[in-house]
Structures are given as structure tokens and as C-alpha cells.
N, C-alpha and C. Protein backbone atom coordinates (compact mmCIF):
# COMPACT_ATOMS: atom_id res chain seq x y z
N MET A 1 107.45 85.06 122.39
CA MET A 1 108.15 84.34 121.38
C MET A 1 108.94 83.43 121.38
N SER A 2 109.72 82.49 121.31
CA SER A 2 110.80 81.66 121.83
C SER A 2 111.70 82.10 120.97
N ASP A 3 113.09 81.84 121.47
CA ASP A 3 113.96 81.98 120.21
C ASP A 3 113.85 81.20 119.08
N GLN A 4 113.76 79.83 119.11
CA GLN A 4 113.72 79.14 118.19
C GLN A 4 112.81 79.60 116.96
N VAL A 5 111.32 80.08 117.74
CA VAL A 5 110.76 80.55 116.95
C VAL A 5 111.28 82.08 116.06
N ALA A 6 111.49 82.67 116.82
CA ALA A 6 112.03 84.06 116.36
C ALA A 6 113.21 83.89 115.23
N GLY A 7 114.02 82.95 115.55
CA GLY A 7 114.58 82.30 114.47
C GLY A 7 114.09 81.68 113.08
N GLN A 8 113.18 81.22 113.14
CA GLN A 8 112.59 80.71 111.62
C GLN A 8 111.72 81.84 111.24
N GLU A 9 111.54 82.58 111.94
CA GLU A 9 110.54 83.71 111.22
C GLU A 9 111.31 85.29 111.32
N PRO A 10 112.43 85.37 110.82
CA PRO A 10 112.96 86.56 111.14
C PRO A 10 112.10 88.24 110.77
N PHE A 11 111.22 87.80 109.86
CA PHE A 11 110.74 88.92 109.13
C PHE A 11 109.42 89.15 109.90
N GLU A 12 108.84 88.40 110.74
CA GLU A 12 107.60 88.59 111.51
C GLU A 12 106.63 88.76 110.73
N LEU A 13 106.29 87.53 109.59
CA LEU A 13 105.30 87.75 108.64
C LEU A 13 103.96 86.74 108.71
N ALA A 14 104.68 85.64 109.73
CA ALA A 14 104.00 84.36 109.96
C ALA A 14 102.34 84.89 110.98
N ALA A 15 102.62 85.85 111.92
CA ALA A 15 101.43 86.14 112.48
C ALA A 15 100.38 86.81 111.82
N VAL A 16 100.58 87.10 110.47
CA VAL A 16 99.54 88.04 109.85
C VAL A 16 97.97 87.26 109.81
N ARG A 17 97.12 88.11 109.82
CA ARG A 17 95.50 87.38 110.05
C ARG A 17 95.07 87.90 108.69
N ASN A 18 95.60 89.00 108.33
CA ASN A 18 94.43 89.10 106.86
C ASN A 18 95.16 90.24 105.83
N ARG A 19 94.60 90.59 104.85
CA ARG A 19 95.37 91.33 103.81
C ARG A 19 95.79 92.71 104.31
N GLU A 20 95.04 93.31 105.13
CA GLU A 20 95.52 94.70 105.49
C GLU A 20 96.63 94.11 106.83
N ASP A 21 96.64 93.19 107.65
CA ASP A 21 97.65 93.11 108.43
C ASP A 21 99.19 92.70 107.53
N TYR A 22 98.54 92.38 106.41
CA TYR A 22 100.10 91.79 105.62
C TYR A 22 100.75 93.06 105.03
N ALA A 23 99.81 93.86 104.71
CA ALA A 23 100.12 95.05 103.99
C ALA A 23 100.80 95.89 105.46
N GLU A 24 100.58 96.07 106.44
CA GLU A 24 101.29 96.94 107.29
C GLU A 24 102.42 96.02 107.72
N ALA A 25 102.40 94.60 107.51
CA ALA A 25 103.70 94.14 108.34
C ALA A 25 105.00 94.23 107.12
N LEU A 26 104.43 94.08 106.08
CA LEU A 26 105.39 94.51 104.73
C LEU A 26 105.70 96.09 104.96
N THR A 27 104.99 96.74 105.28
CA THR A 27 105.37 98.49 105.34
C THR A 27 106.49 98.52 106.31
N ARG A 28 106.02 97.60 107.79
CA ARG A 28 107.12 97.97 108.61
C ARG A 28 108.38 97.00 108.08
N LEU A 29 108.26 96.05 107.70
CA LEU A 29 109.92 95.12 106.98
C LEU A 29 110.53 96.35 106.13
N ILE A 30 109.55 96.87 105.27
CA ILE A 30 110.31 97.86 104.56
C ILE A 30 111.10 98.86 105.03
N ASP A 31 110.25 99.84 105.92
CA ASP A 31 111.16 100.88 106.58
C ASP A 31 112.20 100.07 107.29
N ARG A 32 112.11 99.28 107.83
CA ARG A 32 113.27 98.55 108.92
C ARG A 32 114.59 98.01 107.71
N GLY A 33 114.37 97.93 106.17
CA GLY A 33 115.08 97.57 105.30
C GLY A 33 116.14 98.38 104.95
N ARG A 34 115.26 99.73 104.72
CA ARG A 34 116.13 101.00 104.76
C ARG A 34 117.09 101.61 105.22
N ARG A 35 116.90 101.11 106.70
CA ARG A 35 118.18 101.29 107.82
C ARG A 35 119.25 100.15 107.40
N GLU A 36 118.96 98.87 107.02
CA GLU A 36 119.77 98.18 106.86
C GLU A 36 121.25 98.28 105.93
N ARG A 37 121.98 97.73 106.03
CA ARG A 37 123.04 97.47 104.79
C ARG A 37 122.53 96.91 103.48
N CYS A 38 123.18 97.48 102.35
CA CYS A 38 122.55 96.51 101.37
C CYS A 38 123.19 95.65 100.95
N ILE A 39 123.00 94.42 100.19
CA ILE A 39 123.47 93.50 100.33
C ILE A 39 122.96 92.92 98.67
N ALA A 40 123.87 92.49 97.67
CA ALA A 40 123.37 91.67 96.31
C ALA A 40 123.07 90.25 96.83
N LEU A 41 121.77 90.23 95.95
CA LEU A 41 121.21 88.88 95.93
C LEU A 41 121.10 88.46 94.75
N VAL A 42 120.57 89.32 93.74
CA VAL A 42 120.19 89.20 92.61
C VAL A 42 121.02 90.04 91.49
N SER A 43 121.21 89.48 90.05
CA SER A 43 121.53 90.54 89.34
C SER A 43 121.13 91.70 89.00
N GLY A 44 121.58 92.51 88.27
CA GLY A 44 120.97 93.81 87.98
C GLY A 44 119.89 93.50 87.05
N THR A 45 120.11 92.75 86.09
CA THR A 45 119.15 92.10 84.92
C THR A 45 117.94 91.49 85.81
N GLU A 46 118.32 90.59 86.78
CA GLU A 46 117.22 90.04 87.45
C GLU A 46 116.24 91.35 88.27
N ALA A 47 116.91 91.85 88.72
CA ALA A 47 116.30 93.33 89.70
C ALA A 47 115.52 93.91 88.84
N TYR A 48 116.13 94.19 87.43
CA TYR A 48 114.96 95.09 86.57
C TYR A 48 113.84 94.34 86.18
N ALA A 49 113.58 92.94 86.32
CA ALA A 49 112.77 92.18 85.57
C ALA A 49 111.63 92.31 86.92
N VAL A 50 112.37 92.05 88.24
CA VAL A 50 111.53 92.10 89.44
C VAL A 50 110.50 93.64 89.26
N ALA A 51 111.25 94.67 89.15
CA ALA A 51 110.80 95.86 89.13
C ALA A 51 109.28 95.99 88.21
N GLU A 52 109.77 95.45 86.94
CA GLU A 52 109.03 95.21 85.94
C GLU A 52 107.64 94.53 86.79
N LEU A 53 107.87 93.45 87.08
CA LEU A 53 106.85 92.88 87.47
C LEU A 53 106.18 93.56 88.67
N LEU A 54 106.61 94.09 89.55
CA LEU A 54 106.03 95.00 90.57
C LEU A 54 105.22 95.95 90.18
N GLY A 55 105.69 96.63 89.03
CA GLY A 55 105.08 97.74 88.61
C GLY A 55 103.98 97.18 87.75
N GLN A 56 104.14 96.35 86.83
CA GLN A 56 102.71 95.87 86.58
C GLN A 56 101.70 95.54 87.42
N TYR A 57 102.17 94.80 88.89
CA TYR A 57 101.25 94.39 89.65
C TYR A 57 100.39 95.63 90.39
N ALA A 58 101.75 96.79 90.45
CA ALA A 58 100.91 97.82 91.21
C ALA A 58 99.97 98.69 90.42
N GLN A 59 99.99 98.66 88.93
CA GLN A 59 98.91 99.01 87.99
C GLN A 59 97.29 98.31 88.44
N LEU A 60 97.53 96.99 88.75
CA LEU A 60 96.17 96.53 88.67
C LEU A 60 95.36 97.18 89.78
N ASP A 61 95.68 97.53 90.71
CA ASP A 61 95.01 98.45 91.72
C ASP A 61 95.33 99.28 92.45
N PRO A 62 95.62 100.55 91.56
CA PRO A 62 96.83 101.80 92.44
C PRO A 62 96.37 102.11 93.62
N THR A 63 94.96 101.79 94.10
CA THR A 63 94.51 102.46 95.63
C THR A 63 94.71 101.45 96.38
N ASP A 64 95.11 99.98 96.25
CA ASP A 64 95.16 99.04 97.34
C ASP A 64 96.59 99.36 97.95
N LYS A 65 96.57 99.28 98.87
CA LYS A 65 97.94 99.33 99.96
C LYS A 65 98.91 98.20 99.40
N LEU A 66 98.82 96.77 99.15
CA LEU A 66 99.57 96.12 98.70
C LEU A 66 100.44 96.58 97.47
N HIS A 67 99.33 97.30 96.60
CA HIS A 67 99.66 97.27 95.27
C HIS A 67 100.89 98.76 95.47
N GLN A 68 100.37 99.76 96.31
CA GLN A 68 101.30 100.81 96.73
C GLN A 68 102.29 100.61 97.08
N LEU A 69 102.40 99.41 97.61
CA LEU A 69 104.11 98.87 98.39
C LEU A 69 104.69 98.36 96.89
N ALA A 70 104.30 97.60 96.24
CA ALA A 70 104.84 97.32 95.21
C ALA A 70 105.30 98.16 94.04
N ALA A 71 104.56 99.44 94.21
CA ALA A 71 104.98 100.71 93.15
C ALA A 71 106.16 101.34 94.09
N THR A 72 106.33 101.40 95.47
CA THR A 72 107.42 101.76 96.33
C THR A 72 108.34 101.11 95.78
N MET A 73 108.63 99.68 96.23
CA MET A 73 109.81 99.04 95.93
C MET A 73 109.88 98.56 94.32
N ALA A 74 108.95 98.77 93.30
CA ALA A 74 109.70 98.79 91.90
C ALA A 74 110.63 100.54 91.89
N SER A 75 110.08 101.33 92.45
CA SER A 75 110.70 102.57 92.14
C SER A 75 111.98 102.74 93.00
N ARG A 76 112.28 102.05 93.87
CA ARG A 76 113.27 101.74 94.59
C ARG A 76 114.20 101.08 93.95
N ILE A 77 113.78 100.10 93.34
CA ILE A 77 114.66 99.06 92.60
C ILE A 77 115.33 100.02 91.49
N TYR A 78 114.34 100.54 90.41
CA TYR A 78 114.68 101.28 89.31
C TYR A 78 115.84 102.49 90.11
N SER A 79 115.36 103.03 91.09
CA SER A 79 116.41 104.30 91.15
C SER A 79 117.80 103.67 91.77
N ARG A 80 118.11 102.82 92.22
CA ARG A 80 119.04 101.84 92.56
C ARG A 80 119.78 101.27 91.40
N LEU A 81 119.10 100.97 89.84
CA LEU A 81 119.73 100.48 89.02
C LEU A 81 120.09 101.62 88.19
N GLY A 82 119.36 102.88 88.50
CA GLY A 82 119.78 104.05 87.79
C GLY A 82 119.16 104.01 86.34
N ALA A 83 117.49 103.25 86.49
CA ALA A 83 117.00 103.29 85.09
C ALA A 83 115.99 104.47 85.29
């Protein structure tokens, strides 16, 4: 991969071929994110709304890998918000 392409796709999601690859790529991205420093991108209220949406999505199919990732992310956001 050239530096130009790598710069355009810093999260390595463009190469996913199907839903399973997407879930695996997101899992790796989440793991990588846990080791990085945190920065504020949204307000606490917006973060709470995102956690609610992720939680609702996660409940649609609790056995699906993407929905499990949504549940994990919702939990992490709630935890950071102290909710």
C-alpha cells in the first residue's frame, strides 16, 4: 500500500470484503483504540445519545458479531460517562 493510500485510509476498513471481514476489522480497530490516548470529539450528551443508539442496535441480534461490537462500544461509552 502506498503512503498516499495509507493516508487516505488510516483505519484500514476499505479492504473489507464482507460483513465478517468488517466485524473483524472493527474489532482490531477497537483493540487498537484502547491503547491510544483519548480525545473529546463530542459532548457528553451526544456521547450518551450514541451509546443509546448502539445499545438499541445491539439488542436487534445479540448473537451477531457487529451487534456484539455495538454492545461493547455502548458499554465503554456509558462507563466513561459514569452512567
